[in-house]
Amino acid sequence: MPHSFCACPCGDGPSSIALSFRRTPILISLIRGFAKSAHPRACVRCRFSKLDLELAQEWFGKGLELETIENAILLACSRKYISWLNGGNLNPIGSLRYFEQTLEEVRGLREKTPPEYWAFLKMRLKRIEHQWLSSQKRACENFAQAKKETR
């Protein structure tokens, strides 16, 4: 894999933007961890902006652990899918900034939340994501069928 901050197969990585930032192994790990945790999700847009990289560097400066960020992503993405399944706004998550409030919430829960909860949430996220994707596939199939019937 090329040495860039985004592991996105779509090729929309911030490689050119990232060159202006200090490329410390921990910061690279933080961004790659975000990409690994969030990118495979249909609710997350693939691109990272310069502002996202600045925010990641700020998180790095605050000493945020990758595990805390990953847990915030799990929680925020789970909530996003539940919102979509309940008819909420269908805009995907397009920025690291979206995770800030959840990140603060997870930081506050860190001492009180057992690791098993995050493992459960990870499993639950897979299920609700699959449910969302299946509902979208059915909707597309129904639309295609209705279009055929009107011809």
N, C-alpha and C. Protein backbone atom coordinates (compact mmCIF):
# COMPACT_ATOMS: atom_id res chain seq x y z
N MET A 1 0.86 -1.18 0.00
CA MET A 1 0.00 0.00 0.00
C MET A 1 0.90 1.24 0.00
N PRO A 2 0.54 2.26 -0.77
CA PRO A 2 1.35 3.48 -0.80
C PRO A 2 1.33 4.17 0.55
N HIS A 3 2.37 4.94 0.79
CA HIS A 3 2.49 5.65 2.06
C HIS A 3 1.67 6.94 2.01
N SER A 4 0.37 6.82 2.29
CA SER A 4 -0.49 7.99 2.34
C SER A 4 -1.32 7.90 3.61
N PHE A 5 -2.07 8.94 3.89
CA PHE A 5 -2.86 8.98 5.11
C PHE A 5 -4.18 8.25 4.97
N CYS A 6 -4.65 8.00 3.78
CA CYS A 6 -5.96 7.41 3.56
C CYS A 6 -5.82 6.07 2.88
N ALA A 7 -6.41 5.06 3.44
CA ALA A 7 -6.36 3.73 2.86
C ALA A 7 -7.54 3.51 1.93
N CYS A 8 -8.06 4.56 1.37
CA CYS A 8 -9.25 4.48 0.54
C CYS A 8 -8.96 3.82 -0.80
N PRO A 9 -9.69 2.76 -1.16
CA PRO A 9 -9.48 2.15 -2.46
C PRO A 9 -9.94 3.06 -3.60
N CYS A 10 -10.73 4.07 -3.28
CA CYS A 10 -11.22 4.97 -4.31
C CYS A 10 -10.12 5.93 -4.77
N GLY A 11 -9.01 5.97 -4.04
CA GLY A 11 -7.90 6.81 -4.43
C GLY A 11 -8.03 8.26 -4.00
N ASP A 12 -9.05 8.60 -3.25
CA ASP A 12 -9.25 9.98 -2.82
C ASP A 12 -8.56 10.22 -1.49
N GLY A 13 -7.28 10.14 -1.47
CA GLY A 13 -6.54 10.36 -0.23
C GLY A 13 -6.00 11.76 -0.17
N PRO A 14 -5.61 12.19 0.99
CA PRO A 14 -5.12 13.55 1.18
C PRO A 14 -3.61 13.65 1.00
N SER A 15 -3.03 12.79 0.19
CA SER A 15 -1.57 12.73 0.10
C SER A 15 -0.94 14.08 -0.14
N SER A 16 -1.47 14.86 -1.08
CA SER A 16 -0.84 16.14 -1.38
C SER A 16 -1.03 17.14 -0.24
N ILE A 17 -2.18 17.11 0.40
CA ILE A 17 -2.42 18.01 1.53
C ILE A 17 -1.54 17.60 2.71
N ALA A 18 -1.42 16.31 2.91
CA ALA A 18 -0.72 15.79 4.08
C ALA A 18 0.75 16.17 4.09
N LEU A 19 1.32 16.45 2.95
CA LEU A 19 2.74 16.77 2.90
C LEU A 19 3.07 18.03 3.69
N SER A 20 2.08 18.90 3.90
CA SER A 20 2.35 20.12 4.64
C SER A 20 2.33 19.90 6.15
N PHE A 21 1.96 18.71 6.59
CA PHE A 21 1.90 18.41 8.02
C PHE A 21 3.10 17.57 8.43
N ARG A 22 3.42 17.66 9.69
CA ARG A 22 4.47 16.82 10.23
C ARG A 22 4.04 15.37 10.10
N ARG A 23 4.85 14.55 9.48
CA ARG A 23 4.47 13.16 9.24
C ARG A 23 5.06 12.28 10.34
N THR A 24 4.56 12.41 11.53
CA THR A 24 5.03 11.58 12.63
C THR A 24 4.35 10.22 12.54
N PRO A 25 5.00 9.16 12.98
CA PRO A 25 4.38 7.84 12.92
C PRO A 25 3.05 7.77 13.68
N ILE A 26 2.96 8.48 14.79
CA ILE A 26 1.71 8.43 15.57
C ILE A 26 0.59 9.14 14.82
N LEU A 27 0.86 10.29 14.22
CA LEU A 27 -0.17 10.99 13.45
C LEU A 27 -0.60 10.16 12.25
N ILE A 28 0.35 9.55 11.58
CA ILE A 28 0.02 8.69 10.45
C ILE A 28 -0.85 7.54 10.93
N SER A 29 -0.50 6.96 12.06
CA SER A 29 -1.28 5.87 12.63
C SER A 29 -2.70 6.33 12.96
N LEU A 30 -2.81 7.53 13.50
CA LEU A 30 -4.12 8.08 13.85
C LEU A 30 -5.00 8.21 12.60
N ILE A 31 -4.46 8.78 11.54
CA ILE A 31 -5.24 8.97 10.32
C ILE A 31 -5.56 7.63 9.68
N ARG A 32 -4.59 6.75 9.62
CA ARG A 32 -4.86 5.42 9.05
C ARG A 32 -5.89 4.68 9.88
N GLY A 33 -5.83 4.84 11.18
CA GLY A 33 -6.82 4.21 12.04
C GLY A 33 -8.21 4.74 11.76
N PHE A 34 -8.31 6.05 11.56
CA PHE A 34 -9.60 6.62 11.21
C PHE A 34 -10.07 6.05 9.88
N ALA A 35 -9.18 6.03 8.90
CA ALA A 35 -9.55 5.52 7.58
C ALA A 35 -10.00 4.07 7.67
N LYS A 36 -9.31 3.28 8.46
CA LYS A 36 -9.65 1.86 8.62
C LYS A 36 -10.99 1.71 9.33
N SER A 37 -11.23 2.52 10.34
CA SER A 37 -12.47 2.42 11.12
C SER A 37 -13.67 2.99 10.39
N ALA A 38 -13.47 4.09 9.70
CA ALA A 38 -14.61 4.81 9.14
C ALA A 38 -14.82 4.56 7.65
N HIS A 39 -13.75 4.42 6.89
CA HIS A 39 -13.93 4.35 5.44
C HIS A 39 -14.82 3.21 4.97
N PRO A 40 -14.68 2.00 5.53
CA PRO A 40 -15.51 0.92 5.00
C PRO A 40 -17.01 1.17 5.21
N ARG A 41 -17.33 2.15 5.99
CA ARG A 41 -18.73 2.45 6.30
C ARG A 41 -19.38 3.22 5.16
N ALA A 42 -20.55 2.78 4.77
CA ALA A 42 -21.30 3.47 3.72
C ALA A 42 -21.77 4.85 4.18
N CYS A 43 -21.80 5.07 5.48
CA CYS A 43 -22.28 6.36 6.00
C CYS A 43 -21.17 7.41 6.06
N VAL A 44 -19.94 7.05 5.65
CA VAL A 44 -18.81 7.97 5.72
C VAL A 44 -18.27 8.24 4.32
N ARG A 45 -18.17 9.52 3.98
CA ARG A 45 -17.56 9.92 2.71
C ARG A 45 -16.04 9.68 2.79
N CYS A 46 -15.44 9.36 1.69
CA CYS A 46 -14.04 8.92 1.66
C CYS A 46 -13.01 10.03 1.77
N ARG A 47 -13.29 11.22 1.37
CA ARG A 47 -12.26 12.27 1.28
C ARG A 47 -11.92 12.89 2.63
N PHE A 48 -10.66 13.26 2.77
CA PHE A 48 -10.21 14.02 3.92
C PHE A 48 -9.78 15.39 3.42
N SER A 49 -10.24 16.41 4.07
CA SER A 49 -9.86 17.77 3.68
C SER A 49 -8.68 18.23 4.53
N LYS A 50 -8.16 19.39 4.17
CA LYS A 50 -7.08 19.99 4.96
C LYS A 50 -7.56 20.24 6.39
N LEU A 51 -8.82 20.66 6.54
CA LEU A 51 -9.36 20.90 7.88
C LEU A 51 -9.43 19.61 8.69
N ASP A 52 -9.75 18.49 8.02
CA ASP A 52 -9.77 17.21 8.72
C ASP A 52 -8.38 16.84 9.23
N LEU A 53 -7.39 17.08 8.40
CA LEU A 53 -6.03 16.78 8.81
C LEU A 53 -5.58 17.68 9.96
N GLU A 54 -5.99 18.94 9.92
CA GLU A 54 -5.66 19.85 11.02
C GLU A 54 -6.34 19.39 12.31
N LEU A 55 -7.59 18.93 12.19
CA LEU A 55 -8.30 18.44 13.37
C LEU A 55 -7.63 17.18 13.91
N ALA A 56 -7.23 16.28 13.02
CA ALA A 56 -6.53 15.07 13.46
C ALA A 56 -5.23 15.43 14.17
N GLN A 57 -4.54 16.43 13.67
CA GLN A 57 -3.30 16.86 14.32
C GLN A 57 -3.61 17.46 15.70
N GLU A 58 -4.73 18.17 15.80
CA GLU A 58 -5.15 18.72 17.09
C GLU A 58 -5.44 17.59 18.07
N TRP A 59 -6.16 16.55 17.60
CA TRP A 59 -6.45 15.40 18.45
C TRP A 59 -5.15 14.74 18.90
N PHE A 60 -4.22 14.61 17.97
CA PHE A 60 -2.93 14.04 18.28
C PHE A 60 -2.24 14.87 19.37
N GLY A 61 -2.30 16.18 19.22
CA GLY A 61 -1.69 17.09 20.19
C GLY A 61 -2.30 16.97 21.57
N LYS A 62 -3.59 16.63 21.63
CA LYS A 62 -4.28 16.47 22.91
C LYS A 62 -3.99 15.10 23.53
N GLY A 63 -3.32 14.24 22.78
CA GLY A 63 -2.99 12.92 23.30
C GLY A 63 -4.13 11.92 23.22
N LEU A 64 -5.08 12.14 22.33
CA LEU A 64 -6.18 11.20 22.19
C LEU A 64 -5.69 9.86 21.69
N GLU A 65 -6.19 8.81 22.29
CA GLU A 65 -5.79 7.47 21.89
C GLU A 65 -6.61 7.03 20.69
N LEU A 66 -5.97 6.25 19.82
CA LEU A 66 -6.65 5.74 18.64
C LEU A 66 -7.88 4.92 19.02
N GLU A 67 -7.79 4.16 20.08
CA GLU A 67 -8.92 3.35 20.54
C GLU A 67 -10.13 4.24 20.88
N THR A 68 -9.90 5.37 21.49
CA THR A 68 -10.98 6.29 21.84
C THR A 68 -11.63 6.83 20.56
N ILE A 69 -10.80 7.17 19.58
CA ILE A 69 -11.33 7.67 18.32
C ILE A 69 -12.12 6.58 17.60
N GLU A 70 -11.59 5.36 17.59
CA GLU A 70 -12.30 4.25 16.96
C GLU A 70 -13.65 4.01 17.63
N ASN A 71 -13.68 4.09 18.96
CA ASN A 71 -14.95 3.90 19.67
C ASN A 71 -15.94 5.01 19.35
N ALA A 72 -15.45 6.23 19.22
CA ALA A 72 -16.33 7.33 18.84
C ALA A 72 -16.89 7.11 17.44
N ILE A 73 -16.07 6.60 16.54
CA ILE A 73 -16.53 6.31 15.19
C ILE A 73 -17.60 5.22 15.21
N LEU A 74 -17.39 4.17 16.01
CA LEU A 74 -18.39 3.11 16.14
C LEU A 74 -19.72 3.68 16.60
N LEU A 75 -19.67 4.49 17.64
CA LEU A 75 -20.88 5.04 18.21
C LEU A 75 -21.58 6.00 17.25
N ALA A 76 -20.83 6.90 16.65
CA ALA A 76 -21.42 7.89 15.74
C ALA A 76 -21.99 7.23 14.49
N CYS A 77 -21.27 6.26 13.93
CA CYS A 77 -21.77 5.57 12.74
C CYS A 77 -23.02 4.76 13.07
N SER A 78 -23.03 4.12 14.22
CA SER A 78 -24.23 3.38 14.64
C SER A 78 -25.43 4.32 14.72
N ARG A 79 -25.22 5.45 15.33
CA ARG A 79 -26.31 6.43 15.44
C ARG A 79 -26.75 6.95 14.07
N LYS A 80 -25.79 7.13 13.16
CA LYS A 80 -26.12 7.61 11.81
C LYS A 80 -27.03 6.60 11.09
N TYR A 81 -26.66 5.31 11.16
CA TYR A 81 -27.49 4.29 10.50
C TYR A 81 -28.87 4.20 11.11
N ILE A 82 -28.94 4.28 12.43
CA ILE A 82 -30.26 4.24 13.09
C ILE A 82 -31.10 5.42 12.61
N SER A 83 -30.48 6.58 12.51
CA SER A 83 -31.18 7.76 12.00
C SER A 83 -31.69 7.52 10.58
N TRP A 84 -30.82 6.98 9.72
CA TRP A 84 -31.22 6.71 8.34
C TRP A 84 -32.36 5.71 8.29
N LEU A 85 -32.26 4.65 9.10
CA LEU A 85 -33.31 3.63 9.10
C LEU A 85 -34.64 4.20 9.60
N ASN A 86 -34.56 5.24 10.41
CA ASN A 86 -35.77 5.89 10.93
C ASN A 86 -36.23 7.06 10.06
N GLY A 87 -35.64 7.19 8.87
CA GLY A 87 -36.08 8.23 7.94
C GLY A 87 -35.39 9.58 8.12
N GLY A 88 -34.25 9.60 8.81
CA GLY A 88 -33.53 10.86 9.03
C GLY A 88 -32.80 11.34 7.79
N ASN A 89 -32.14 12.47 7.92
CA ASN A 89 -31.37 13.07 6.84
C ASN A 89 -30.36 12.06 6.30
N LEU A 90 -30.32 11.90 4.98
CA LEU A 90 -29.48 10.88 4.35
C LEU A 90 -28.09 11.36 3.96
N ASN A 91 -27.68 12.51 4.43
CA ASN A 91 -26.32 12.98 4.13
C ASN A 91 -25.31 12.10 4.84
N PRO A 92 -24.26 11.65 4.11
CA PRO A 92 -23.23 10.86 4.78
C PRO A 92 -22.34 11.74 5.66
N ILE A 93 -21.61 11.11 6.54
CA ILE A 93 -20.63 11.81 7.35
C ILE A 93 -19.52 12.26 6.42
N GLY A 94 -19.23 13.54 6.41
CA GLY A 94 -18.27 14.05 5.45
C GLY A 94 -17.04 14.69 6.05
N SER A 95 -16.89 14.61 7.35
CA SER A 95 -15.78 15.31 7.99
C SER A 95 -15.47 14.68 9.34
N LEU A 96 -14.22 14.78 9.73
CA LEU A 96 -13.85 14.34 11.08
C LEU A 96 -14.59 15.15 12.14
N ARG A 97 -14.91 16.39 11.82
CA ARG A 97 -15.59 17.26 12.76
C ARG A 97 -16.90 16.63 13.26
N TYR A 98 -17.54 15.82 12.43
CA TYR A 98 -18.79 15.15 12.80
C TYR A 98 -18.60 14.32 14.07
N PHE A 99 -17.41 13.78 14.26
CA PHE A 99 -17.16 12.88 15.38
C PHE A 99 -16.76 13.59 16.67
N GLU A 100 -16.58 14.90 16.62
CA GLU A 100 -16.06 15.63 17.79
C GLU A 100 -16.93 15.47 19.03
N GLN A 101 -18.22 15.70 18.89
CA GLN A 101 -19.11 15.63 20.06
C GLN A 101 -19.14 14.20 20.62
N THR A 102 -19.21 13.23 19.73
CA THR A 102 -19.22 11.84 20.17
C THR A 102 -17.88 11.47 20.80
N LEU A 103 -16.81 12.03 20.29
CA LEU A 103 -15.49 11.78 20.84
C LEU A 103 -15.41 12.26 22.29
N GLU A 104 -15.95 13.44 22.54
CA GLU A 104 -15.98 13.95 23.92
C GLU A 104 -16.84 13.06 24.81
N GLU A 105 -17.96 12.59 24.26
CA GLU A 105 -18.83 11.69 25.02
C GLU A 105 -18.09 10.39 25.37
N VAL A 106 -17.40 9.82 24.39
CA VAL A 106 -16.67 8.57 24.61
C VAL A 106 -15.54 8.78 25.62
N ARG A 107 -14.86 9.91 25.53
CA ARG A 107 -13.80 10.21 26.52
C ARG A 107 -14.38 10.22 27.93
N GLY A 108 -15.58 10.77 28.08
CA GLY A 108 -16.21 10.81 29.39
C GLY A 108 -16.67 9.44 29.87
N LEU A 109 -16.93 8.53 28.94
CA LEU A 109 -17.41 7.19 29.29
C LEU A 109 -16.27 6.19 29.48
N ARG A 110 -15.08 6.59 29.14
CA ARG A 110 -13.96 5.66 29.07
C ARG A 110 -13.78 4.82 30.32
N GLU A 111 -13.83 5.44 31.46
CA GLU A 111 -13.63 4.71 32.72
C GLU A 111 -14.82 3.82 33.07
N LYS A 112 -16.01 4.23 32.62
CA LYS A 112 -17.23 3.54 33.03
C LYS A 112 -17.67 2.43 32.06
N THR A 113 -17.08 2.38 30.88
CA THR A 113 -17.55 1.47 29.85
C THR A 113 -16.59 0.31 29.67
N PRO A 114 -17.10 -0.92 29.88
CA PRO A 114 -16.21 -2.07 29.71
C PRO A 114 -15.88 -2.30 28.24
N PRO A 115 -14.73 -2.90 27.95
CA PRO A 115 -14.33 -3.18 26.56
C PRO A 115 -15.35 -4.04 25.82
N GLU A 116 -16.07 -4.87 26.56
CA GLU A 116 -17.08 -5.74 25.94
C GLU A 116 -18.18 -4.93 25.27
N TYR A 117 -18.48 -3.76 25.81
CA TYR A 117 -19.50 -2.92 25.19
C TYR A 117 -19.08 -2.50 23.78
N TRP A 118 -17.82 -2.12 23.63
CA TRP A 118 -17.35 -1.67 22.32
C TRP A 118 -17.31 -2.82 21.33
N ALA A 119 -16.99 -4.03 21.83
CA ALA A 119 -17.03 -5.22 20.96
C ALA A 119 -18.46 -5.49 20.52
N PHE A 120 -19.40 -5.36 21.46
CA PHE A 120 -20.82 -5.52 21.12
C PHE A 120 -21.26 -4.47 20.10
N LEU A 121 -20.86 -3.24 20.32
CA LEU A 121 -21.26 -2.16 19.41
C LEU A 121 -20.70 -2.38 18.01
N LYS A 122 -19.48 -2.88 17.94
CA LYS A 122 -18.88 -3.18 16.64
C LYS A 122 -19.71 -4.22 15.89
N MET A 123 -20.12 -5.26 16.60
CA MET A 123 -20.96 -6.30 16.01
C MET A 123 -22.33 -5.72 15.61
N ARG A 124 -22.88 -4.91 16.46
CA ARG A 124 -24.19 -4.28 16.20
C ARG A 124 -24.12 -3.35 14.99
N LEU A 125 -23.02 -2.61 14.88
CA LEU A 125 -22.85 -1.71 13.75
C LEU A 125 -22.85 -2.49 12.44
N LYS A 126 -22.18 -3.62 12.41
CA LYS A 126 -22.19 -4.46 11.20
C LYS A 126 -23.62 -4.86 10.83
N ARG A 127 -24.40 -5.23 11.84
CA ARG A 127 -25.79 -5.65 11.57
C ARG A 127 -26.64 -4.50 11.05
N ILE A 128 -26.56 -3.34 11.69
CA ILE A 128 -27.43 -2.25 11.23
C ILE A 128 -26.96 -1.68 9.90
N GLU A 129 -25.65 -1.73 9.65
CA GLU A 129 -25.15 -1.30 8.35
C GLU A 129 -25.68 -2.24 7.27
N HIS A 130 -25.62 -3.55 7.53
CA HIS A 130 -26.15 -4.53 6.58
C HIS A 130 -27.65 -4.30 6.37
N GLN A 131 -28.36 -4.03 7.44
CA GLN A 131 -29.80 -3.75 7.33
C GLN A 131 -30.05 -2.53 6.44
N TRP A 132 -29.26 -1.47 6.64
CA TRP A 132 -29.40 -0.26 5.83
C TRP A 132 -29.10 -0.55 4.36
N LEU A 133 -27.98 -1.22 4.11
CA LEU A 133 -27.59 -1.52 2.73
C LEU A 133 -28.62 -2.41 2.04
N SER A 134 -29.15 -3.38 2.79
CA SER A 134 -30.19 -4.26 2.23
C SER A 134 -31.44 -3.48 1.89
N SER A 135 -31.81 -2.54 2.75
CA SER A 135 -33.02 -1.74 2.48
C SER A 135 -32.83 -0.88 1.24
N GLN A 136 -31.61 -0.38 1.04
CA GLN A 136 -31.34 0.43 -0.15
C GLN A 136 -31.35 -0.41 -1.41
N LYS A 137 -30.82 -1.62 -1.32
CA LYS A 137 -30.82 -2.53 -2.46
C LYS A 137 -32.26 -2.87 -2.85
N ARG A 138 -33.10 -3.18 -1.85
CA ARG A 138 -34.51 -3.49 -2.13
C ARG A 138 -35.22 -2.30 -2.75
N ALA A 139 -34.93 -1.11 -2.24
CA ALA A 139 -35.57 0.10 -2.79
C ALA A 139 -35.19 0.28 -4.25
N CYS A 140 -33.90 0.06 -4.56
CA CYS A 140 -33.45 0.19 -5.96
C CYS A 140 -34.10 -0.87 -6.85
N GLU A 141 -34.18 -2.09 -6.33
CA GLU A 141 -34.82 -3.17 -7.10
C GLU A 141 -36.30 -2.86 -7.34
N ASN A 142 -36.98 -2.37 -6.31
CA ASN A 142 -38.40 -2.01 -6.46
C ASN A 142 -38.58 -0.89 -7.46
N PHE A 143 -37.70 0.09 -7.42
CA PHE A 143 -37.77 1.21 -8.36
C PHE A 143 -37.57 0.71 -9.79
N ALA A 144 -36.57 -0.16 -9.99
CA ALA A 144 -36.30 -0.71 -11.32
C ALA A 144 -37.48 -1.52 -11.83
N GLN A 145 -38.09 -2.29 -10.95
CA GLN A 145 -39.24 -3.10 -11.33
C GLN A 145 -40.42 -2.20 -11.70
N ALA A 146 -40.67 -1.18 -10.91
CA ALA A 146 -41.77 -0.26 -11.21
C ALA A 146 -41.53 0.46 -12.53
N LYS A 147 -40.30 0.81 -12.81
CA LYS A 147 -39.95 1.49 -14.06
C LYS A 147 -40.21 0.55 -15.26
N LYS A 148 -39.87 -0.73 -15.12
CA LYS A 148 -40.12 -1.70 -16.18
C LYS A 148 -41.63 -1.84 -16.45
N GLU A 149 -42.39 -1.85 -15.37
CA GLU A 149 -43.83 -2.07 -15.48
C GLU A 149 -44.53 -0.89 -16.14
N THR A 150 -43.96 0.28 -16.06
CA THR A 150 -44.59 1.48 -16.67
C THR A 150 -44.24 1.63 -18.15
N ARG A 151 -43.34 0.80 -18.66
CA ARG A 151 -42.95 0.90 -20.07
C ARG A 151 -43.92 0.21 -20.96
